[in-house]
């Protein structure tokens, strides 16, 4: 039975943390190397671009949660 007079149940969100990025794949492009990474702890993914090999990658996308 359902009721229209119920309080929604709030789902707990993950506490903010420092992501530990793991490389899932990398692909060379004309702009540099595109790197697909995933947080080892929470599973969020992000796409990075490494323009020059000695330089660290920079984020191309915001962190995305699994659907």
Protein backbone atom coordinates (compact mmCIF):
# COMPACT_ATOMS: atom_id res chain seq x y z
CA UNK A 1 0.00 0.00 0.00
CA UNK A 2 1.33 3.48 -0.83
CA UNK A 3 0.51 6.80 0.74
CA UNK A 4 0.85 10.34 -0.57
CA UNK A 5 1.51 11.60 2.97
CA UNK A 6 4.90 10.02 3.63
CA UNK A 7 8.27 11.64 4.19
CA UNK A 8 10.88 10.82 1.54
CA UNK A 9 13.73 8.62 2.69
CA UNK A 10 17.04 10.40 2.20
CA UNK A 11 19.86 8.21 0.99
CA UNK A 12 23.23 8.82 2.59
CA UNK A 13 25.81 10.31 0.26
CA UNK A 14 29.43 9.34 0.26
CA UNK A 15 31.62 11.53 2.40
CA UNK A 16 34.00 13.70 0.37
CA UNK A 17 37.43 12.17 0.04
CA UNK A 18 40.63 12.55 -1.95
CA UNK A 19 40.26 10.39 -5.05
CA UNK A 20 42.96 7.84 -5.84
CA UNK A 21 42.80 7.67 -9.63
CA UNK A 22 43.54 4.38 -11.43
CA UNK A 23 44.11 4.41 -15.20
CA UNK A 24 41.56 2.26 -17.05
CA UNK A 25 42.85 3.08 -20.55
CA UNK A 26 44.87 5.65 -22.47
CA UNK A 27 44.81 6.65 -26.13
CA UNK A 28 47.18 8.90 -28.11
CA UNK A 29 45.51 11.80 -29.97
CA UNK A 30 46.73 14.87 -31.86
CA UNK A 31 46.23 16.93 -28.66
CA UNK A 32 48.12 14.54 -26.39
CA UNK A 33 47.18 11.35 -24.56
CA UNK A 34 43.57 10.97 -23.40
CA UNK A 35 43.49 9.02 -20.12
CA UNK A 36 40.32 7.39 -18.72
CA UNK A 37 40.60 7.09 -14.93
CA UNK A 38 38.49 5.64 -12.08
CA UNK A 39 38.65 6.33 -8.33
CA UNK A 40 39.85 3.20 -6.53
CA UNK A 41 37.62 3.98 -3.53
CA UNK A 42 34.24 5.16 -4.85
CA UNK A 43 34.33 4.12 -8.54
CA UNK A 44 33.73 7.61 -9.98
CA UNK A 45 35.24 8.06 -13.44
CA UNK A 46 36.94 11.02 -15.15
CA UNK A 47 38.65 11.76 -18.47
CA UNK A 48 42.06 13.47 -18.40
CA UNK A 49 44.38 14.88 -21.06
CA UNK A 50 48.15 14.57 -20.78
CA UNK A 51 49.56 17.07 -23.27
CA UNK A 52 53.27 16.30 -22.71
CA UNK A 53 54.67 13.10 -21.14
CA UNK A 54 56.52 14.78 -18.22
CA UNK A 55 53.50 16.97 -17.36
CA UNK A 56 50.72 15.58 -15.15
CA UNK A 57 47.34 15.00 -16.82
CA UNK A 58 44.64 17.67 -16.51
CA UNK A 59 40.93 16.87 -16.16
CA UNK A 60 38.83 17.16 -19.32
CA UNK A 61 35.61 16.16 -17.59
CA UNK A 62 34.01 16.39 -14.15
CA UNK A 63 33.97 13.21 -12.07
CA UNK A 64 31.01 11.07 -13.15
CA UNK A 65 29.24 8.54 -10.96
CA UNK A 66 27.98 5.22 -12.27
CA UNK A 67 24.37 5.42 -13.51
